[in-house]
Amino acid sequence: MSDSDFINPVQHNQDEVLFDSGGTCDCYRLVKDNRVYCVKRPKKDMRSSEVYMSLFRKEFELGIELEHPRR
């Protein structure tokens, strides 16, 4: 994923269903190609915080390193 994809993510997919909302992010359930994904998006007011977005990026980087048997 390029930096621009991370910073300027694609628009919400019509198949995304909001399943949780916290103080800083919204989490959506997405089914694509018969697989279930969790899409975590920072809330609009958090996107302008460089510190928050740096932490969010670090969480993303750690998350893509994880290995799971169903992956």
PDB file of N, CA and C in Angstrom:
ATOM      1  N   MET A   1       0.853  -1.167   0.000  1.00  0.00           N
ATOM      2  CA  MET A   1       0.000   0.000   0.000  1.00  0.00           C
ATOM      3  C   MET A   1       0.897   1.228   0.000  1.00  0.00           C
ATOM      4  N   SER A   2       0.615   2.134  -0.868  1.00  0.00           N
ATOM      5  CA  SER A   2       1.418   3.352  -0.929  1.00  0.00           C
ATOM      6  C   SER A   2       0.970   4.326   0.146  1.00  0.00           C
ATOM      7  N   ASP A   3       1.831   5.309   0.426  1.00  0.00           N
ATOM      8  CA  ASP A   3       1.482   6.329   1.419  1.00  0.00           C
ATOM      9  C   ASP A   3       0.182   7.021   1.067  1.00  0.00           C
ATOM     10  N   SER A   4      -0.014   7.334  -0.209  1.00  0.00           N
ATOM     11  CA  SER A   4      -1.228   8.050  -0.595  1.00  0.00           C
ATOM     12  C   SER A   4      -2.472   7.203  -0.353  1.00  0.00           C
ATOM     13  N   ASP A   5      -2.365   5.875  -0.496  1.00  0.00           N
ATOM     14  CA  ASP A   5      -3.502   5.002  -0.224  1.00  0.00           C
ATOM     15  C   ASP A   5      -3.845   5.006   1.261  1.00  0.00           C
ATOM     16  N   PHE A   6      -2.809   5.105   2.098  1.00  0.00           N
ATOM     17  CA  PHE A   6      -3.049   5.112   3.537  1.00  0.00           C
ATOM     18  C   PHE A   6      -3.632   6.449   3.978  1.00  0.00           C
ATOM     19  N   ILE A   7      -3.058   7.530   3.517  1.00  0.00           N
ATOM     20  CA  ILE A   7      -3.478   8.865   3.939  1.00  0.00           C
ATOM     21  C   ILE A   7      -4.804   9.258   3.306  1.00  0.00           C
ATOM     22  N   ASN A   8      -5.007   8.921   2.050  1.00  0.00           N
ATOM     23  CA  ASN A   8      -6.234   9.257   1.332  1.00  0.00           C
ATOM     24  C   ASN A   8      -6.933   7.971   0.900  1.00  0.00           C
ATOM     25  N   PRO A   9      -7.536   7.253   1.855  1.00  0.00           N
ATOM     26  CA  PRO A   9      -8.137   5.965   1.507  1.00  0.00           C
ATOM     27  C   PRO A   9      -9.283   6.123   0.527  1.00  0.00           C
ATOM     28  N   VAL A  10      -9.608   5.017  -0.131  1.00  0.00           N
ATOM     29  CA  VAL A  10     -10.720   5.021  -1.073  1.00  0.00           C
ATOM     30  C   VAL A  10     -12.001   5.356  -0.329  1.00  0.00           C
ATOM     31  N   GLN A  11     -12.975   5.819  -1.060  1.00  0.00           N
ATOM     32  CA  GLN A  11     -14.256   6.183  -0.459  1.00  0.00           C
ATOM     33  C   GLN A  11     -14.917   4.943   0.133  1.00  0.00           C
ATOM     34  N   HIS A  12     -15.844   5.186   1.028  1.00  0.00           N
ATOM     35  CA  HIS A  12     -16.564   4.078   1.648  1.00  0.00           C
ATOM     36  C   HIS A  12     -17.215   3.212   0.575  1.00  0.00           C
ATOM     37  N   ASN A  13     -17.087   1.927   0.751  1.00  0.00           N
ATOM     38  CA  ASN A  13     -17.695   0.955  -0.137  1.00  0.00           C
ATOM     39  C   ASN A  13     -19.146   0.778   0.303  1.00  0.00           C
ATOM     40  N   GLN A  14     -20.050   0.670  -0.648  1.00  0.00           N
ATOM     41  CA  GLN A  14     -21.465   0.511  -0.295  1.00  0.00           C
ATOM     42  C   GLN A  14     -21.724  -0.788   0.449  1.00  0.00           C
ATOM     43  N   ASP A  15     -20.788  -1.741   0.373  1.00  0.00           N
ATOM     44  CA  ASP A  15     -20.952  -3.011   1.062  1.00  0.00           C
ATOM     45  C   ASP A  15     -20.434  -2.972   2.495  1.00  0.00           C
ATOM     46  N   GLU A  16     -19.839  -1.851   2.909  1.00  0.00           N
ATOM     47  CA  GLU A  16     -19.340  -1.727   4.273  1.00  0.00           C
ATOM     48  C   GLU A  16     -20.504  -1.456   5.223  1.00  0.00           C
ATOM     49  N   VAL A  17     -20.506  -2.165   6.349  1.00  0.00           N
ATOM     50  CA  VAL A  17     -21.546  -2.001   7.353  1.00  0.00           C
ATOM     51  C   VAL A  17     -20.872  -1.603   8.664  1.00  0.00           C
ATOM     52  N   LEU A  18     -21.255  -0.459   9.212  1.00  0.00           N
ATOM     53  CA  LEU A  18     -20.692   0.001  10.474  1.00  0.00           C
ATOM     54  C   LEU A  18     -21.046  -0.992  11.567  1.00  0.00           C
ATOM     55  N   PHE A  19     -20.025  -1.513  12.292  1.00  0.00           N
ATOM     56  CA  PHE A  19     -20.338  -2.421  13.383  1.00  0.00           C
ATOM     57  C   PHE A  19     -19.800  -1.947  14.719  1.00  0.00           C
ATOM     58  N   ASP A  20     -18.936  -0.931  14.731  1.00  0.00           N
ATOM     59  CA  ASP A  20     -18.453  -0.389  15.995  1.00  0.00           C
ATOM     60  C   ASP A  20     -17.958   1.029  15.771  1.00  0.00           C
ATOM     61  N   SER A  21     -18.157   1.854  16.752  1.00  0.00           N
ATOM     62  CA  SER A  21     -17.713   3.236  16.667  1.00  0.00           C
ATOM     63  C   SER A  21     -17.133   3.635  18.009  1.00  0.00           C
ATOM     64  N   GLY A  22     -15.892   4.115  17.976  1.00  0.00           N
ATOM     65  CA  GLY A  22     -15.245   4.552  19.206  1.00  0.00           C
ATOM     66  C   GLY A  22     -15.014   6.047  19.173  1.00  0.00           C
ATOM     67  N   GLY A  23     -14.174   6.521  20.063  1.00  0.00           N
ATOM     68  CA  GLY A  23     -13.895   7.938  20.137  1.00  0.00           C
ATOM     69  C   GLY A  23     -13.048   8.456  18.997  1.00  0.00           C
ATOM     70  N   THR A  24     -12.226   7.578  18.410  1.00  0.00           N
ATOM     71  CA  THR A  24     -11.297   8.022  17.370  1.00  0.00           C
ATOM     72  C   THR A  24     -11.508   7.362  16.019  1.00  0.00           C
ATOM     73  N   CYS A  25     -12.169   6.210  15.993  1.00  0.00           N
ATOM     74  CA  CYS A  25     -12.318   5.447  14.738  1.00  0.00           C
ATOM     75  C   CYS A  25     -13.708   4.838  14.616  1.00  0.00           C
ATOM     76  N   ASP A  26     -14.041   4.512  13.385  1.00  0.00           N
ATOM     77  CA  ASP A  26     -15.220   3.711  13.082  1.00  0.00           C
ATOM     78  C   ASP A  26     -14.726   2.422  12.440  1.00  0.00           C
ATOM     79  N   CYS A  27     -15.343   1.304  12.799  1.00  0.00           N
ATOM     80  CA  CYS A  27     -14.978   0.011  12.223  1.00  0.00           C
ATOM     81  C   CYS A  27     -16.153  -0.515  11.406  1.00  0.00           C
ATOM     82  N   TYR A  28     -15.826  -0.978  10.216  1.00  0.00           N
ATOM     83  CA  TYR A  28     -16.829  -1.465   9.281  1.00  0.00           C
ATOM     84  C   TYR A  28     -16.556  -2.920   8.948  1.00  0.00           C
ATOM     85  N   ARG A  29     -17.626  -3.657   8.689  1.00  0.00           N
ATOM     86  CA  ARG A  29     -17.529  -5.038   8.213  1.00  0.00           C
ATOM     87  C   ARG A  29     -17.699  -4.994   6.707  1.00  0.00           C
ATOM     88  N   LEU A  30     -16.790  -5.644   6.010  1.00  0.00           N
ATOM     89  CA  LEU A  30     -16.833  -5.679   4.550  1.00  0.00           C
ATOM     90  C   LEU A  30     -16.666  -7.117   4.090  1.00  0.00           C
ATOM     91  N   VAL A  31     -17.545  -7.573   3.214  1.00  0.00           N
ATOM     92  CA  VAL A  31     -17.405  -8.888   2.597  1.00  0.00           C
ATOM     93  C   VAL A  31     -17.010  -8.659   1.151  1.00  0.00           C
ATOM     94  N   LYS A  32     -15.867  -9.209   0.780  1.00  0.00           N
ATOM     95  CA  LYS A  32     -15.362  -9.070  -0.586  1.00  0.00           C
ATOM     96  C   LYS A  32     -14.771 -10.406  -1.014  1.00  0.00           C
ATOM     97  N   ASP A  33     -15.179 -10.868  -2.170  1.00  0.00           N
ATOM     98  CA  ASP A  33     -14.706 -12.159  -2.687  1.00  0.00           C
ATOM     99  C   ASP A  33     -14.904 -13.272  -1.661  1.00  0.00           C
ATOM    100  N   ASN A  34     -16.071 -13.275  -1.008  1.00  0.00           N
ATOM    101  CA  ASN A  34     -16.440 -14.289  -0.013  1.00  0.00           C
ATOM    102  C   ASN A  34     -15.531 -14.304   1.211  1.00  0.00           C
ATOM    103  N   ARG A  35     -14.840 -13.207   1.483  1.00  0.00           N
ATOM    104  CA  ARG A  35     -14.007 -13.087   2.684  1.00  0.00           C
ATOM    105  C   ARG A  35     -14.506 -11.893   3.488  1.00  0.00           C
ATOM    106  N   VAL A  36     -14.441 -12.019   4.808  1.00  0.00           N
ATOM    107  CA  VAL A  36     -14.878 -10.947   5.696  1.00  0.00           C
ATOM    108  C   VAL A  36     -13.661 -10.147   6.144  1.00  0.00           C
ATOM    109  N   TYR A  37     -13.771  -8.830   6.043  1.00  0.00           N
ATOM    110  CA  TYR A  37     -12.693  -7.930   6.437  1.00  0.00           C
ATOM    111  C   TYR A  37     -13.226  -6.918   7.437  1.00  0.00           C
ATOM    112  N   CYS A  38     -12.329  -6.394   8.243  1.00  0.00           N
ATOM    113  CA  CYS A  38     -12.633  -5.265   9.114  1.00  0.00           C
ATOM    114  C   CYS A  38     -11.910  -4.058   8.535  1.00  0.00           C
ATOM    115  N   VAL A  39     -12.659  -2.999   8.283  1.00  0.00           N
ATOM    116  CA  VAL A  39     -12.083  -1.760   7.759  1.00  0.00           C
ATOM    117  C   VAL A  39     -12.167  -0.731   8.882  1.00  0.00           C
ATOM    118  N   LYS A  40     -11.022  -0.274   9.334  1.00  0.00           N
ATOM    119  CA  LYS A  40     -10.977   0.703  10.419  1.00  0.00           C
ATOM    120  C   LYS A  40     -10.625   2.056   9.828  1.00  0.00           C
ATOM    121  N   ARG A  41     -11.467   3.035  10.077  1.00  0.00           N
ATOM    122  CA  ARG A  41     -11.259   4.378   9.524  1.00  0.00           C
ATOM    123  C   ARG A  41     -11.227   5.399  10.658  1.00  0.00           C
ATOM    124  N   PRO A  42     -10.211   6.266  10.654  1.00  0.00           N
ATOM    125  CA  PRO A  42     -10.191   7.319  11.676  1.00  0.00           C
ATOM    126  C   PRO A  42     -11.327   8.310  11.439  1.00  0.00           C
ATOM    127  N   LYS A  43     -11.859   8.834  12.525  1.00  0.00           N
ATOM    128  CA  LYS A  43     -12.917   9.841  12.393  1.00  0.00           C
ATOM    129  C   LYS A  43     -12.329  11.107  11.788  1.00  0.00           C
ATOM    130  N   LYS A  44     -13.168  11.863  11.092  1.00  0.00           N
ATOM    131  CA  LYS A  44     -12.704  13.050  10.363  1.00  0.00           C
ATOM    132  C   LYS A  44     -11.914  14.013  11.236  1.00  0.00           C
ATOM    133  N   ASP A  45     -12.371  14.250  12.454  1.00  0.00           N
ATOM    134  CA  ASP A  45     -11.667  15.215  13.299  1.00  0.00           C
ATOM    135  C   ASP A  45     -10.303  14.714  13.764  1.00  0.00           C
ATOM    136  N   MET A  46     -10.047  13.419  13.669  1.00  0.00           N
ATOM    137  CA  MET A  46      -8.749  12.861  14.064  1.00  0.00           C
ATOM    138  C   MET A  46      -7.745  12.864  12.911  1.00  0.00           C
ATOM    139  N   ARG A  47      -8.223  12.951  11.684  1.00  0.00           N
ATOM    140  CA  ARG A  47      -7.338  12.869  10.513  1.00  0.00           C
ATOM    141  C   ARG A  47      -6.362  14.032  10.416  1.00  0.00           C
ATOM    142  N   SER A  48      -6.659  15.148  11.061  1.00  0.00           N
ATOM    143  CA  SER A  48      -5.763  16.306  10.994  1.00  0.00           C
ATOM    144  C   SER A  48      -4.674  16.265  12.066  1.00  0.00           C
ATOM    145  N   SER A  49      -4.742  15.311  12.970  1.00  0.00           N
ATOM    146  CA  SER A  49      -3.740  15.181  14.029  1.00  0.00           C
ATOM    147  C   SER A  49      -2.561  14.344  13.535  1.00  0.00           C
ATOM    148  N   GLU A  50      -1.407  14.986  13.393  1.00  0.00           N
ATOM    149  CA  GLU A  50      -0.219  14.267  12.923  1.00  0.00           C
ATOM    150  C   GLU A  50       0.178  13.160  13.894  1.00  0.00           C
ATOM    151  N   VAL A  51       0.075  13.434  15.188  1.00  0.00           N
ATOM    152  CA  VAL A  51       0.436  12.430  16.194  1.00  0.00           C
ATOM    153  C   VAL A  51      -0.495  11.226  16.083  1.00  0.00           C
ATOM    154  N   TYR A  52      -1.797  11.486  16.031  1.00  0.00           N
ATOM    155  CA  TYR A  52      -2.752  10.385  15.935  1.00  0.00           C
ATOM    156  C   TYR A  52      -2.538   9.578  14.660  1.00  0.00           C
ATOM    157  N   MET A  53      -2.380  10.250  13.536  1.00  0.00           N
ATOM    158  CA  MET A  53      -2.210   9.536  12.273  1.00  0.00           C
ATOM    159  C   MET A  53      -0.907   8.739  12.254  1.00  0.00           C
ATOM    160  N   SER A  54       0.120   9.226  12.930  1.00  0.00           N
ATOM    161  CA  SER A  54       1.369   8.473  13.043  1.00  0.00           C
ATOM    162  C   SER A  54       1.135   7.184  13.831  1.00  0.00           C
ATOM    163  N   LEU A  55       0.398   7.282  14.918  1.00  0.00           N
ATOM    164  CA  LEU A  55       0.066   6.095  15.711  1.00  0.00           C
ATOM    165  C   LEU A  55      -0.853   5.151  14.936  1.00  0.00           C
ATOM    166  N   PHE A  56      -1.796   5.705  14.203  1.00  0.00           N
ATOM    167  CA  PHE A  56      -2.710   4.901  13.393  1.00  0.00           C
ATOM    168  C   PHE A  56      -1.932   4.149  12.313  1.00  0.00           C
ATOM    169  N   ARG A  57      -0.972   4.823  11.685  1.00  0.00           N
ATOM    170  CA  ARG A  57      -0.125   4.184  10.675  1.00  0.00           C
ATOM    171  C   ARG A  57       0.685   3.046  11.308  1.00  0.00           C
ATOM    172  N   LYS A  58       1.235   3.263  12.501  1.00  0.00           N
ATOM    173  CA  LYS A  58       2.016   2.234  13.185  1.00  0.00           C
ATOM    174  C   LYS A  58       1.133   1.023  13.484  1.00  0.00           C
ATOM    175  N   GLU A  59      -0.092   1.269  13.924  1.00  0.00           N
ATOM    176  CA  GLU A  59      -1.029   0.174  14.170  1.00  0.00           C
ATOM    177  C   GLU A  59      -1.282  -0.609  12.881  1.00  0.00           C
ATOM    178  N   PHE A  60      -1.442   0.101  11.775  1.00  0.00           N
ATOM    179  CA  PHE A  60      -1.644  -0.538  10.475  1.00  0.00           C
ATOM    180  C   PHE A  60      -0.436  -1.399  10.108  1.00  0.00           C
ATOM    181  N   GLU A  61       0.764  -0.841  10.253  1.00  0.00           N
ATOM    182  CA  GLU A  61       1.986  -1.568   9.901  1.00  0.00           C
ATOM    183  C   GLU A  61       2.141  -2.828  10.741  1.00  0.00           C
ATOM    184  N   LEU A  62       1.842  -2.739  12.030  1.00  0.00           N
ATOM    185  CA  LEU A  62       1.914  -3.922  12.893  1.00  0.00           C
ATOM    186  C   LEU A  62       0.844  -4.940  12.501  1.00  0.00           C
ATOM    187  N   GLY A  63      -0.334  -4.459  12.165  1.00  0.00           N
ATOM    188  CA  GLY A  63      -1.438  -5.343  11.797  1.00  0.00           C
ATOM    189  C   GLY A  63      -1.175  -6.156  10.544  1.00  0.00           C
ATOM    190  N   ILE A  64      -0.543  -5.544   9.540  1.00  0.00           N
ATOM    191  CA  ILE A  64      -0.302  -6.302   8.309  1.00  0.00           C
ATOM    192  C   ILE A  64       0.828  -7.310   8.476  1.00  0.00           C
ATOM    193  N   GLU A  65       1.594  -7.191   9.563  1.00  0.00           N
ATOM    194  CA  GLU A  65       2.658  -8.154   9.848  1.00  0.00           C
ATOM    195  C   GLU A  65       2.117  -9.426  10.505  1.00  0.00           C
ATOM    196  N   LEU A  66       0.924  -9.347  11.075  1.00  0.00           N
ATOM    197  CA  LEU A  66       0.361 -10.496  11.786  1.00  0.00           C
ATOM    198  C   LEU A  66       0.055 -11.633  10.825  1.00  0.00           C
ATOM    199  N   GLU A  67       0.237 -12.839  11.325  1.00  0.00           N
ATOM    200  CA  GLU A  67      -0.116 -14.020  10.538  1.00  0.00           C
ATOM    201  C   GLU A  67      -1.203 -14.774  11.293  1.00  0.00           C
ATOM    202  N   HIS A  68      -2.174 -15.239  10.554  1.00  0.00           N
ATOM    203  CA  HIS A  68      -3.292 -15.964  11.145  1.00  0.00           C
ATOM    204  C   HIS A  68      -3.603 -17.150  10.243  1.00  0.00           C
ATOM    205  N   PRO A  69      -3.956 -18.298  10.819  1.00  0.00           N
ATOM    206  CA  PRO A  69      -4.231 -19.493  10.004  1.00  0.00           C
ATOM    207  C   PRO A  69      -5.316 -19.304   8.946  1.00  0.00           C
ATOM    208  N   ARG A  70      -6.251 -18.404   9.175  1.00  0.00           N
ATOM    209  CA  ARG A  70      -7.345 -18.209   8.213  1.00  0.00           C
ATOM    210  C   ARG A  70      -7.019 -17.158   7.173  1.00  0.00           C
ATOM    211  N   ARG A  71      -5.841 -16.610   7.212  1.00  0.00           N
ATOM    212  CA  ARG A  71      -5.463 -15.545   6.289  1.00  0.00           C
ATOM    213  C   ARG A  71      -5.090 -16.069   4.944  1.00  0.00           C
TER     214      ARG A  71
END
